[in-house]
Amino acid sequence: MTMLNDPSAKYRPFPQIDLPDRQWPTRTITAPPRWLSTDLRDGNQALIDPMGAEKKNRFFDLLVKVGLKEIEIGFPAAGGTEFDFISGLVRSGRIPDDTLVQVLTQSREDLIKTSFESLEGVHGAIVHLYNAVSPLWRQVVFGLEPAEIRKIAEDGAKVLRDQAARFPNTDWHFEYSPETFSTAELDFSIECCEAVMNILQPTPDHPIILNLPATVEAATPNIYADQIEYFIRNLPNRESAVISLHTHNDRGTGVAAAELGILAGADRVEGCLFGNGERTGNACLVTIALNMYTQGINPRLDFSDIDEVISTVEYCNQLPVPERHPYGGDLVFTAFSGSHQDAIKKGFAAQEQRNDQLWSIPYLPVDPADLGRTYEAVIRVNSQSGKGGFAWVIEQDQGLKLPKRMQADFSKHVQELADKLGRELQADDIWGVFQSVYRLTGEQQFQLVEYEETRAPDRSRIFAGKISVNGKEQSVSGRGNGLISAILAALDDSFGVKLDVSDYTEHAMAGGSDAKAAAYVECTASDGRTIWGVGIHNDVATASVRAILSAANSLAV
């Protein structure tokens, strides 16, 4: 084989669909579809080490808990392990009355019979019949003409009908897939589906499920939507069919194809919780459902504890959910970039001021709390982070709301540590820097021992107390217009420490009568330097005094 100079010459563009009056681009999704999980069948077939009974049972229970009402539980004719799991699940009594289990079978009489036998005793079930219909499969895989392919579908439908009659106490539902629909002629897919419908005689009250799979994703999602709309428009007896989608992710657009397929008129979506499946996977039900959630549509699936779902899926599949997987990944609600952090921080502040239920936060399309995530992990700090990120972590971890100019002062110290360590900084790292920079711990030249504040006859304030200076207590006093100016006077008179306060801020660190207060002072030293101090105490006045001493300690270094 010779190497082509331009390998793309081996390929041909997928043909457009002749649908000039397509309607799906003008529609919006207003309600969720019927959902079917294929995790226990399609997802299981894609695993290096398929799940055993314990894991499949655990996964089944998760799917029920999440709210799936249709669950494909296996391929009974694949072997004894599959058959035993399915029949055991039926006998266990763990299938809820409002849930339909589904099994898959090729259009072969012996395989169909085995499928029905595995479900003996079930209250209701879907038997899913399929055969491939596209030209490539007809010509290369089977070597059959279209009429012969259609006859395979018809013969399988007859066996479905006859086998269902043997178990009259079960509420049987039928599904037919013209497999490889995405690369087949649309009119031939319709012809095969119509032939199956003529045999099974579905009604609007008891419709057949016609599943139209993108077995191999071969074109952009709009092409798939055109295929779905064309099929629906031209299918006889459409009111007796549930149109189902089963998209794969070969081009990375399985979710988009499913969403556009819903716009094109589909009623049902098949997929796996996090998109596991053959090759690049199936459509991700978590992503599709939560995409709807962010548009104000209740998907009728419960992902309020996304971490529990992930934990179970990872255990059963032995595959990790990537850190950047939509909605579920560990880092999807996390911002490292300074500009992103600043926008998120301002968004939370604006939402708190707005005090309504509408979620509107920059960079966060969904409230992490709705998925069981905490806000602490929203902003994380590394060398790419800005002052907003550091300030957010301090606020979330310690309850300190740093003034904006103090954020800028503090950020350069955190940045130095991030550059030095070359890794993400944890909350303890940042708090350690804060305590060190503003002399809350460690070496402190001035430490408050005790004090009292009194009012002089001229209405001025008098500060009198004891301050430990390098470990030795010393009595001090000072007079000023208020407590802060009085302690500044005491520092100047007793130690020659000259500071002018240019800004002062205080706030409660939490609600309740026993909440601590935080005080921040921005000071100007005699040499023109800007010095910040912070004080924390149950009493706000004492917090203010400690803030001044914090600044004095920084000046003394």
Protein backbone atom coordinates (compact mmCIF):
# COMPACT_ATOMS: atom_id res chain seq x y z
CA MET A 1 0.00 0.00 0.00
CA THR A 2 1.44 3.36 -0.99
CA MET A 3 1.11 6.33 1.30
CA LEU A 4 -1.10 9.07 -0.11
CA ASN A 5 0.26 12.60 -0.08
CA ASP A 6 -3.21 13.72 1.00
CA PRO A 7 -4.89 11.01 3.10
CA SER A 8 -8.19 12.92 3.01
CA ALA A 9 -8.54 11.84 -0.62
CA LYS A 10 -9.64 8.43 0.70
CA TYR A 11 -12.87 9.88 2.07
CA ARG A 12 -16.07 11.32 0.65
CA PRO A 13 -18.41 13.85 2.23
CA PHE A 14 -21.66 12.48 3.58
CA PRO A 15 -24.55 13.36 1.26
CA GLN A 16 -27.04 16.02 2.28
CA ILE A 17 -30.69 15.13 2.93
CA ASP A 18 -33.20 16.55 0.47
CA LEU A 19 -35.39 18.38 2.98
CA PRO A 20 -35.63 22.03 1.92
CA ASP A 21 -38.55 22.81 4.23
CA ARG A 22 -37.03 21.24 7.35
CA GLN A 23 -38.78 22.37 10.52
CA TRP A 24 -36.48 21.28 13.32
CA PRO A 25 -34.17 24.37 13.25
CA THR A 26 -37.04 26.61 14.40
CA ARG A 27 -38.15 24.39 17.29
CA THR A 28 -37.10 24.32 20.93
CA ILE A 29 -37.06 21.47 23.41
CA THR A 30 -39.90 22.01 25.88
CA ALA A 31 -40.24 18.61 27.56
CA PRO A 32 -37.97 15.64 28.29
CA PRO A 33 -38.11 12.52 26.14
CA ARG A 34 -38.64 8.99 27.34
CA TRP A 35 -35.26 7.76 28.56
CA LEU A 36 -33.70 4.33 28.18
CA SER A 37 -30.40 3.37 29.81
CA THR A 38 -28.25 0.96 27.81
CA ASP A 39 -25.53 0.83 30.50
CA LEU A 40 -26.16 -2.84 31.31
CA ARG A 41 -26.07 -3.95 27.67
CA ASP A 42 -24.36 -1.60 25.23
CA GLY A 43 -22.22 -0.10 27.98
CA ASN A 44 -21.36 -3.53 29.37
CA GLN A 45 -20.37 -4.87 25.95
CA ALA A 46 -17.87 -2.03 25.63
CA LEU A 47 -15.97 -2.87 28.82
CA ILE A 48 -12.60 -4.59 28.81
CA ASP A 49 -13.86 -6.66 31.74
CA PRO A 50 -17.67 -6.95 31.53
CA MET A 51 -19.62 -6.58 34.74
CA GLY A 52 -20.50 -9.63 36.78
CA ALA A 53 -23.84 -10.15 38.49
CA GLU A 54 -22.91 -8.17 41.62
CA LYS A 55 -21.94 -5.08 39.66
CA LYS A 56 -24.86 -5.38 37.25
CA ASN A 57 -27.29 -5.60 40.16
CA ARG A 58 -25.69 -2.61 41.83
CA PHE A 59 -25.86 -0.64 38.58
CA PHE A 60 -29.49 -1.64 38.05
CA ASP A 61 -30.41 -0.34 41.50
CA LEU A 62 -28.66 2.96 40.71
CA LEU A 63 -30.61 3.34 37.46
CA VAL A 64 -33.88 2.78 39.31
CA LYS A 65 -32.86 5.31 41.98
CA VAL A 66 -31.97 7.90 39.35
CA GLY A 67 -35.45 7.53 37.89
CA LEU A 68 -35.01 5.48 34.72
CA LYS A 69 -38.30 3.84 33.74
CA GLU A 70 -36.89 1.87 30.81
CA ILE A 71 -33.67 -0.09 31.32
CA GLU A 72 -31.99 -2.38 28.81
CA ILE A 73 -30.67 -5.16 31.04
CA GLY A 74 -28.80 -7.36 28.60
CA PHE A 75 -28.42 -9.54 25.53
CA PRO A 76 -29.86 -12.89 26.72
CA ALA A 77 -28.46 -14.94 23.84
CA ALA A 78 -24.90 -13.70 24.45
CA GLY A 79 -24.23 -16.49 26.92
CA GLY A 80 -25.12 -18.07 30.21
CA THR A 81 -23.89 -15.17 32.34
CA GLU A 82 -26.24 -12.73 30.61
CA PHE A 83 -29.19 -15.13 30.62
CA ASP A 84 -28.76 -15.96 34.29
CA PHE A 85 -28.50 -12.32 35.33
CA ILE A 86 -31.67 -11.37 33.41
CA SER A 87 -33.74 -14.31 34.62
CA GLY A 88 -32.41 -13.82 38.15
CA LEU A 89 -33.35 -10.14 38.12
CA VAL A 90 -36.87 -11.03 36.98
CA ARG A 91 -37.24 -13.60 39.77
CA SER A 92 -35.80 -11.25 42.41
CA GLY A 93 -38.85 -9.01 42.45
CA ARG A 94 -36.62 -5.90 42.37
CA ILE A 95 -38.02 -4.54 39.11
CA PRO A 96 -40.47 -1.75 40.05
CA ASP A 97 -44.00 -2.03 38.68
CA ASP A 98 -43.59 1.24 36.76
CA THR A 99 -40.32 0.16 35.12
CA LEU A 100 -39.93 -1.74 31.85
CA VAL A 101 -36.82 -3.82 31.36
CA GLN A 102 -35.58 -4.37 27.83
CA VAL A 103 -33.51 -7.06 26.14
CA LEU A 104 -31.81 -6.98 22.76
CA THR A 105 -31.82 -9.69 20.13
CA GLN A 106 -30.70 -10.11 16.56
CA SER A 107 -33.39 -11.13 14.10
CA ARG A 108 -32.83 -14.88 14.43
CA GLU A 109 -35.49 -17.28 15.65
CA ASP A 110 -33.34 -19.14 18.17
CA LEU A 111 -32.00 -15.91 19.69
CA ILE A 112 -35.46 -14.39 19.94
CA LYS A 113 -36.83 -17.48 21.70
CA THR A 114 -33.95 -17.37 24.19
CA SER A 115 -34.74 -13.72 24.87
CA PHE A 116 -38.35 -14.46 25.74
CA GLU A 117 -37.33 -17.37 27.94
CA SER A 118 -35.00 -15.14 29.94
CA LEU A 119 -37.93 -12.84 30.74
CA GLU A 120 -40.40 -15.51 31.78
CA GLY A 121 -42.49 -14.19 34.67
CA VAL A 122 -41.72 -10.49 34.18
CA HIS A 123 -44.69 -8.13 34.59
CA GLY A 124 -43.76 -6.06 31.54
CA ALA A 125 -40.82 -5.86 29.14
CA ILE A 126 -39.54 -4.58 25.81
CA VAL A 127 -38.01 -7.00 23.34
CA HIS A 128 -35.70 -5.12 21.01
CA LEU A 129 -35.19 -6.66 17.55
CA TYR A 130 -32.56 -5.41 15.13
CA ASN A 131 -30.90 -6.11 11.81
CA ALA A 132 -28.47 -3.97 9.80
CA VAL A 133 -29.90 -2.35 6.66
CA SER A 134 -27.26 -0.01 5.16
CA PRO A 135 -25.54 -0.65 1.79
CA LEU A 136 -22.11 -1.31 3.31
CA TRP A 137 -23.47 -3.98 5.63
CA ARG A 138 -25.72 -5.46 2.92
CA GLN A 139 -22.92 -5.72 0.38
CA VAL A 140 -19.81 -6.35 2.49
CA VAL A 141 -21.00 -8.03 5.70
CA PHE A 142 -23.99 -10.08 4.50
CA GLY A 143 -23.85 -10.15 0.70
CA LEU A 144 -27.64 -9.77 0.51
CA GLU A 145 -30.07 -7.75 -1.59
CA PRO A 146 -32.47 -5.23 -0.03
CA ALA A 147 -35.44 -7.59 -0.30
CA GLU A 148 -33.51 -10.25 1.61
CA ILE A 149 -32.62 -7.76 4.33
CA ARG A 150 -36.26 -6.72 4.64
CA LYS A 151 -37.29 -10.39 4.92
CA ILE A 152 -34.91 -10.84 7.88
CA ALA A 153 -36.78 -8.06 9.65
CA GLU A 154 -40.17 -9.51 8.74
CA ASP A 155 -39.24 -13.02 9.86
CA GLY A 156 -37.99 -11.68 13.18
CA ALA A 157 -41.18 -9.71 13.72
CA LYS A 158 -43.26 -12.86 13.19
CA VAL A 159 -41.25 -14.69 15.82
CA LEU A 160 -41.72 -11.76 18.22
CA ARG A 161 -45.47 -11.90 17.69
CA ASP A 162 -45.68 -15.66 18.17
CA GLN A 163 -43.39 -15.78 21.19
CA ALA A 164 -45.31 -13.02 22.96
CA ALA A 165 -48.49 -15.07 22.53
CA ARG A 166 -46.88 -17.85 24.58
CA PHE A 167 -46.66 -15.56 27.63
CA PRO A 168 -50.04 -13.79 27.77
CA ASN A 169 -49.61 -12.59 31.37
CA THR A 170 -46.75 -10.26 30.42
CA ASP A 171 -47.27 -6.74 29.09
CA TRP A 172 -45.06 -7.05 26.00
CA HIS A 173 -43.69 -4.09 24.07
CA PHE A 174 -41.70 -4.34 20.86
CA GLU A 175 -38.81 -2.29 19.56
CA TYR A 176 -37.29 -2.53 16.12
CA SER A 177 -34.00 -0.98 15.01
CA PRO A 178 -32.95 -0.70 11.39
CA GLU A 179 -29.36 -0.92 12.55
CA THR A 180 -26.85 1.33 10.73
CA PHE A 181 -29.76 3.70 10.05
CA SER A 182 -27.36 6.67 9.98
CA THR A 183 -25.64 5.35 6.83
CA ALA A 184 -28.64 3.72 5.15
CA GLU A 185 -31.04 4.99 2.50
CA LEU A 186 -33.91 6.63 4.35
CA ASP A 187 -36.61 5.18 2.15
CA PHE A 188 -35.28 1.66 2.67
CA SER A 189 -35.20 2.15 6.47
CA ILE A 190 -38.83 3.29 6.28
CA GLU A 191 -39.67 0.27 4.12
CA CYS A 192 -38.20 -2.15 6.70
CA CYS A 193 -39.94 -0.42 9.61
CA GLU A 194 -43.26 -0.40 7.79
CA ALA A 195 -42.90 -4.13 7.05
CA VAL A 196 -42.33 -4.86 10.75
CA MET A 197 -45.30 -2.68 11.74
CA ASN A 198 -47.56 -4.53 9.29
CA ILE A 199 -46.79 -7.78 11.12
CA LEU A 200 -46.91 -6.54 14.72
CA GLN A 201 -49.93 -4.25 14.18
CA PRO A 202 -49.13 -1.52 16.70
CA THR A 203 -51.79 1.01 17.70
CA PRO A 204 -51.65 4.50 19.17
CA ASP A 205 -52.53 2.98 22.55
CA HIS A 206 -49.87 0.28 22.25
CA PRO A 207 -47.23 1.65 19.86
CA ILE A 208 -44.09 0.04 18.56
CA ILE A 209 -40.74 1.65 19.37
CA LEU A 210 -38.78 2.39 16.21
CA ASN A 211 -35.19 3.03 17.18
CA LEU A 212 -33.12 4.95 14.62
CA PRO A 213 -29.49 4.50 15.60
CA ALA A 214 -26.49 6.47 14.52
CA THR A 215 -24.68 3.14 14.72
CA VAL A 216 -21.64 4.92 13.35
CA GLU A 217 -21.72 8.71 13.55
CA ALA A 218 -20.85 9.64 9.98
CA ALA A 219 -22.02 13.25 9.57
CA THR A 220 -22.70 16.46 11.44
CA PRO A 221 -25.65 16.44 13.88
CA ASN A 222 -27.85 18.50 11.56
CA ILE A 223 -27.70 15.68 9.01
CA TYR A 224 -28.95 13.22 11.65
CA ALA A 225 -31.76 15.63 12.53
CA ASP A 226 -32.72 15.81 8.85
CA GLN A 227 -32.77 12.02 8.71
CA ILE A 228 -35.08 11.84 11.73
CA GLU A 229 -37.46 14.49 10.43
CA TYR A 230 -37.57 12.89 6.97
CA PHE A 231 -38.28 9.48 8.50
CA ILE A 232 -41.09 10.80 10.71
CA ARG A 233 -42.72 12.71 7.86
CA ASN A 234 -42.76 9.71 5.57
CA LEU A 235 -43.53 6.87 7.99
CA PRO A 236 -47.03 5.45 7.50
CA ASN A 237 -49.05 5.10 10.71
CA ARG A 238 -46.70 7.46 12.57
CA GLU A 239 -49.18 7.78 15.45
CA SER A 240 -48.58 4.11 16.30
CA ALA A 241 -44.81 4.49 16.68
CA VAL A 242 -42.51 5.88 19.35
CA ILE A 243 -39.46 7.30 17.56
CA SER A 244 -36.32 6.51 19.53
CA LEU A 245 -32.74 7.75 19.14
CA HIS A 246 -29.54 5.84 19.82
CA THR A 247 -26.60 8.05 18.95
CA HIS A 248 -22.94 7.14 19.08
CA ASN A 249 -20.07 9.52 19.56
CA ASP A 250 -17.63 8.71 16.73
CA ARG A 251 -17.43 12.39 15.73
CA GLY A 252 -17.73 13.64 19.30
CA THR A 253 -21.25 14.98 18.75
CA GLY A 254 -23.48 12.20 20.06
CA VAL A 255 -25.17 14.51 22.57
CA ALA A 256 -25.75 17.23 19.97
CA ALA A 257 -27.16 14.69 17.51
CA ALA A 258 -29.61 13.43 20.13
CA GLU A 259 -30.71 16.97 21.02
CA LEU A 260 -31.29 17.88 17.38
CA GLY A 261 -33.05 14.55 16.87
CA ILE A 262 -35.49 15.52 19.64
CA LEU A 263 -36.08 18.82 17.82
CA ALA A 264 -36.78 16.77 14.69
CA GLY A 265 -39.62 14.99 16.46
CA ALA A 266 -38.16 12.00 18.30
CA ASP A 267 -39.90 10.80 21.47
CA ARG A 268 -37.24 8.73 23.19
CA VAL A 269 -33.47 8.72 23.80
CA GLU A 270 -31.22 5.75 24.50
CA GLY A 271 -27.78 6.17 26.04
CA CYS A 272 -25.50 5.53 29.01
CA LEU A 273 -25.14 7.60 32.15
CA PHE A 274 -21.70 8.92 31.27
CA GLY A 275 -21.58 7.91 27.62
CA ASN A 276 -19.79 4.58 27.91
CA GLY A 277 -20.24 2.44 24.79
CA GLU A 278 -18.47 0.93 21.81
CA ARG A 279 -15.60 2.94 20.29
CA THR A 280 -15.97 6.53 21.49
CA GLY A 281 -19.19 5.75 23.29
CA ASN A 282 -22.92 6.36 23.35
CA ALA A 283 -24.74 9.58 24.05
CA CYS A 284 -24.32 10.69 27.67
CA LEU A 285 -27.70 10.72 29.41
CA VAL A 286 -26.35 12.85 32.26
CA THR A 287 -25.28 15.57 29.83
CA ILE A 288 -28.49 15.54 27.78
CA ALA A 289 -30.68 15.56 30.90
CA LEU A 290 -28.77 18.33 32.67
CA ASN A 291 -28.58 20.39 29.49
CA MET A 292 -32.38 20.41 29.67
CA TYR A 293 -32.26 21.22 33.37
CA THR A 294 -30.26 24.40 32.66
CA GLN A 295 -33.01 25.47 30.26
CA GLY A 296 -35.70 25.24 32.93
CA ILE A 297 -36.93 21.78 31.89
CA ASN A 298 -37.28 19.06 34.50
CA PRO A 299 -35.63 16.00 32.88
CA ARG A 300 -37.38 13.67 35.35
CA LEU A 301 -34.03 12.10 36.20
CA ASP A 302 -32.47 12.69 39.61
CA PHE A 303 -28.80 13.70 39.65
CA SER A 304 -28.99 15.63 42.92
CA ASP A 305 -26.11 13.52 44.28
CA ILE A 306 -23.88 13.36 41.22
CA ASP A 307 -20.91 12.09 43.21
CA GLU A 308 -22.81 9.00 44.36
CA VAL A 309 -23.78 8.30 40.74
CA ILE A 310 -20.17 8.71 39.61
CA SER A 311 -18.87 6.50 42.40
CA THR A 312 -21.21 3.66 41.45
CA VAL A 313 -20.59 3.98 37.70
CA GLU A 314 -16.81 4.04 38.16
CA TYR A 315 -16.93 1.02 40.46
CA CYS A 316 -19.11 -1.01 38.09
CA ASN A 317 -17.40 -0.02 34.84
CA GLN A 318 -13.85 0.27 36.16
CA LEU A 319 -13.60 3.36 33.97
CA PRO A 320 -13.02 6.89 35.32
CA VAL A 321 -15.37 9.76 34.64
CA PRO A 322 -12.95 12.34 33.19
CA GLU A 323 -12.27 15.43 35.29
CA ARG A 324 -13.65 17.67 32.52
CA HIS A 325 -16.73 15.56 31.74
CA PRO A 326 -19.79 17.87 31.54
CA TYR A 327 -21.53 18.34 34.89
CA GLY A 328 -19.94 15.28 36.53
CA GLY A 329 -16.18 15.81 36.27
CA ASP A 330 -14.24 16.86 39.36
CA LEU A 331 -13.11 20.13 37.76
CA VAL A 332 -16.15 21.25 35.76
CA PHE A 333 -17.27 23.76 38.39
CA THR A 334 -13.74 24.87 39.18
CA ALA A 335 -12.04 28.06 37.99
CA PHE A 336 -8.28 28.57 38.16
CA SER A 337 -8.09 31.63 35.89
CA GLY A 338 -8.02 34.95 37.71
CA SER A 339 -10.54 36.65 35.41
CA HIS A 340 -12.93 33.71 35.70
CA GLN A 341 -12.59 33.68 39.47
CA ASP A 342 -13.28 37.39 39.70
CA ALA A 343 -16.42 37.06 37.56
CA ILE A 344 -17.73 34.12 39.60
CA LYS A 345 -17.04 35.89 42.89
CA LYS A 346 -18.91 38.99 41.70
CA GLY A 347 -21.75 36.79 40.45
CA PHE A 348 -22.25 35.22 43.87
CA ALA A 349 -22.15 38.65 45.50
CA ALA A 350 -24.74 39.99 43.04
CA GLN A 351 -26.97 36.97 43.59
CA GLU A 352 -26.82 37.46 47.35
CA GLN A 353 -27.86 41.09 46.89
CA ARG A 354 -30.60 40.16 44.41
CA ASN A 355 -32.00 37.53 46.79
CA ASP A 356 -34.16 35.68 44.27
CA GLN A 357 -34.20 32.08 43.06
CA LEU A 358 -32.97 32.77 39.52
CA TRP A 359 -29.54 31.24 38.93
CA SER A 360 -27.30 33.65 37.04
CA ILE A 361 -23.60 33.20 37.81
CA PRO A 362 -20.82 33.78 35.23
CA TYR A 363 -19.17 30.56 34.01
CA LEU A 364 -21.53 28.32 36.01
CA PRO A 365 -24.50 27.23 33.85
CA VAL A 366 -25.89 25.12 36.71
CA ASP A 367 -25.83 25.58 40.47
CA PRO A 368 -23.31 23.01 41.80
CA ALA A 369 -25.49 22.63 44.89
CA ASP A 370 -28.27 21.19 42.72
CA LEU A 371 -25.94 18.28 41.96
CA GLY A 372 -24.80 17.83 45.54
CA ARG A 373 -21.54 19.75 45.09
CA THR A 374 -20.29 22.39 47.52
CA TYR A 375 -19.15 25.90 46.61
CA GLU A 376 -15.76 25.43 48.26
CA ALA A 377 -14.36 23.76 45.14
CA VAL A 378 -15.68 26.36 42.68
CA ILE A 379 -12.57 28.53 42.87
CA ARG A 380 -9.18 26.89 43.31
CA VAL A 381 -5.82 28.57 43.31
CA ASN A 382 -2.67 27.98 41.31
CA SER A 383 -0.13 30.22 39.58
CA GLN A 384 -2.77 31.29 37.01
CA SER A 385 -5.15 32.60 39.62
CA GLY A 386 -5.83 36.22 40.47
CA LYS A 387 -6.73 38.15 43.59
CA GLY A 388 -10.38 37.21 43.30
CA GLY A 389 -9.48 33.55 43.62
CA PHE A 390 -7.40 34.00 46.74
CA ALA A 391 -10.09 36.18 48.28
CA TRP A 392 -12.82 33.64 47.49
CA VAL A 393 -10.91 30.83 49.20
CA ILE A 394 -10.27 32.95 52.27
CA GLU A 395 -13.95 33.93 52.41
CA GLN A 396 -15.24 30.37 51.96
CA ASP A 397 -12.68 28.80 54.30
CA GLN A 398 -12.34 31.45 57.02
CA GLY A 399 -15.30 33.80 56.55
CA LEU A 400 -13.07 36.84 55.84
CA LYS A 401 -14.34 39.27 53.19
CA LEU A 402 -11.19 41.16 52.28
CA PRO A 403 -11.52 44.74 51.04
CA LYS A 404 -10.72 45.02 47.36
CA ARG A 405 -7.42 46.89 47.84
CA MET A 406 -6.37 44.40 50.49
CA GLN A 407 -7.03 41.60 47.98
CA ALA A 408 -4.47 43.19 45.68
CA ASP A 409 -1.98 43.47 48.53
CA PHE A 410 -2.48 39.86 49.59
CA SER A 411 -2.45 38.42 46.07
CA LYS A 412 1.23 39.13 45.43
CA HIS A 413 2.20 37.07 48.47
CA VAL A 414 0.06 34.11 47.43
CA GLN A 415 1.36 34.38 43.88
CA GLU A 416 4.93 34.13 45.17
CA LEU A 417 4.07 30.91 47.01
CA ALA A 418 2.25 29.44 43.99
CA ASP A 419 5.23 30.18 41.74
CA LYS A 420 7.60 28.71 44.31
CA LEU A 421 5.64 25.49 44.85
CA GLY A 422 4.53 25.03 41.24
CA ARG A 423 1.26 23.36 42.23
CA GLU A 424 -2.31 24.09 43.16
CA LEU A 425 -2.59 25.79 46.54
CA GLN A 426 -4.90 24.32 49.15
CA ALA A 427 -6.97 26.41 51.54
CA ASP A 428 -4.49 25.68 54.34
CA ASP A 429 -1.64 27.01 52.19
CA ILE A 430 -3.46 30.27 51.56
CA TRP A 431 -4.52 30.69 55.18
CA GLY A 432 -0.95 30.10 56.27
CA VAL A 433 0.29 32.88 53.99
CA PHE A 434 -2.44 35.20 55.26
CA GLN A 435 -1.55 34.62 58.90
CA SER A 436 2.12 35.13 58.17
CA VAL A 437 1.77 38.29 56.06
CA TYR A 438 -0.58 40.06 58.49
CA ARG A 439 1.23 38.79 61.61
CA LEU A 440 -1.67 36.85 63.08
CA THR A 441 0.68 34.12 64.25
CA GLY A 442 4.41 33.63 64.66
CA GLU A 443 6.70 36.54 65.45
CA GLN A 444 4.67 39.51 66.74
CA GLN A 445 6.41 42.52 68.27
CA PHE A 446 3.15 43.94 69.65
CA GLN A 447 0.48 41.77 71.24
CA LEU A 448 -2.66 42.98 73.00
CA VAL A 449 -2.95 41.81 76.60
CA GLU A 450 -5.89 43.90 77.85
CA TYR A 451 -7.38 47.34 77.46
CA GLU A 452 -10.26 49.59 78.34
CA GLU A 453 -11.81 52.52 76.54
CA THR A 454 -13.15 55.54 78.42
CA ARG A 455 -14.61 58.89 77.44
CA ALA A 456 -12.91 62.11 78.57
CA PRO A 457 -14.88 65.22 79.66
CA ASP A 458 -14.20 66.77 76.24
CA ARG A 459 -15.89 63.72 74.59
CA SER A 460 -12.59 62.36 73.28
CA ARG A 461 -11.74 58.67 73.72
CA ILE A 462 -9.00 57.34 75.95
CA PHE A 463 -7.32 54.01 75.29
CA ALA A 464 -5.53 52.52 78.29
CA GLY A 465 -4.16 49.02 78.43
CA LYS A 466 -1.27 46.62 78.39
CA ILE A 467 0.62 45.53 75.31
CA SER A 468 3.25 42.81 75.26
CA VAL A 469 6.32 44.11 73.44
CA ASN A 470 8.64 41.32 72.42
CA GLY A 471 7.27 39.26 75.28
CA LYS A 472 7.39 41.98 77.96
CA GLU A 473 4.17 43.66 79.11
CA GLN A 474 4.03 47.46 79.04
CA SER A 475 1.25 49.83 80.05
CA VAL A 476 0.24 52.33 77.37
CA SER A 477 -2.37 55.00 76.86
CA GLY A 478 -3.50 57.38 74.18
CA ARG A 479 -6.26 59.85 73.39
CA GLY A 480 -8.16 60.46 70.15
CA ASN A 481 -11.50 61.16 68.52
CA GLY A 482 -12.32 57.45 68.60
CA LEU A 483 -10.92 54.12 69.65
CA ILE A 484 -8.74 53.70 66.57
CA SER A 485 -7.19 57.15 66.78
CA ALA A 486 -6.62 56.57 70.50
CA ILE A 487 -4.67 53.33 69.98
CA LEU A 488 -2.69 55.00 67.17
CA ALA A 489 -1.76 57.79 69.60
CA ALA A 490 -0.75 55.21 72.21
CA LEU A 491 1.55 53.45 69.72
CA ASP A 492 3.12 56.75 68.70
CA ASP A 493 3.58 58.04 72.24
CA SER A 494 4.92 54.77 73.67
CA PHE A 495 6.89 53.25 70.77
CA GLY A 496 7.25 55.90 68.10
CA VAL A 497 5.14 53.86 65.66
CA LYS A 498 3.51 56.36 63.33
CA LEU A 499 0.56 55.17 61.23
CA ASP A 500 -2.32 57.04 59.60
CA VAL A 501 -5.50 55.07 58.85
CA SER A 502 -6.81 55.75 55.35
CA ASP A 503 -9.53 53.09 55.30
CA TYR A 504 -11.36 50.90 57.80
CA THR A 505 -13.78 48.01 57.20
CA GLU A 506 -15.48 45.56 59.52
CA HIS A 507 -18.01 42.75 59.21
CA ALA A 508 -19.49 39.82 61.12
CA MET A 509 -17.92 36.55 60.04
CA ALA A 510 -21.16 34.57 60.48
CA GLY A 511 -24.69 34.93 61.76
CA GLY A 512 -25.70 34.54 65.38
CA SER A 513 -25.00 36.28 68.68
CA ASP A 514 -21.67 34.50 69.20
CA ALA A 515 -20.27 35.32 65.76
CA LYS A 516 -16.77 36.69 65.50
CA ALA A 517 -16.05 40.04 63.86
CA ALA A 518 -13.28 40.90 61.44
CA ALA A 519 -11.75 44.35 61.11
CA TYR A 520 -9.39 45.59 58.38
CA VAL A 521 -7.30 48.77 58.39
CA GLU A 522 -5.38 50.32 55.53
CA CYS A 523 -2.64 52.49 56.94
CA THR A 524 0.00 54.84 55.58
CA ALA A 525 3.41 54.76 57.22
CA SER A 526 5.62 57.81 57.65
CA ASP A 527 7.76 56.65 54.71
CA GLY A 528 4.69 56.48 52.43
CA ARG A 529 4.26 52.70 52.46
CA THR A 530 0.77 51.22 52.56
CA ILE A 531 0.40 48.79 55.46
CA TRP A 532 -2.59 46.50 56.01
CA GLY A 533 -3.74 45.04 59.29
CA VAL A 534 -6.47 42.60 60.21
CA GLY A 535 -8.01 41.71 63.55
CA ILE A 536 -10.45 38.96 64.53
CA HIS A 537 -12.36 38.77 67.82
CA ASN A 538 -15.82 38.16 69.28
CA ASP A 539 -15.94 41.88 70.12
CA VAL A 540 -15.73 44.23 67.14
CA ALA A 541 -13.91 46.92 69.12
CA THR A 542 -11.23 44.45 70.15
CA ALA A 543 -11.01 43.26 66.55
CA SER A 544 -10.31 46.88 65.57
CA VAL A 545 -7.50 47.20 68.13
CA ARG A 546 -5.96 43.94 66.94
CA ALA A 547 -6.13 45.16 63.34
CA ILE A 548 -4.06 48.23 64.28
CA LEU A 549 -1.51 46.04 66.07
CA SER A 550 -1.40 43.73 63.03
CA ALA A 551 -0.42 46.73 60.91
CA ALA A 552 2.13 47.84 63.51
CA ASN A 553 3.71 44.39 63.50
CA SER A 554 3.96 44.46 59.70
CA LEU A 555 5.57 47.90 59.85
CA ALA A 556 8.10 46.67 62.41
CA VAL A 557 9.39 43.88 60.14
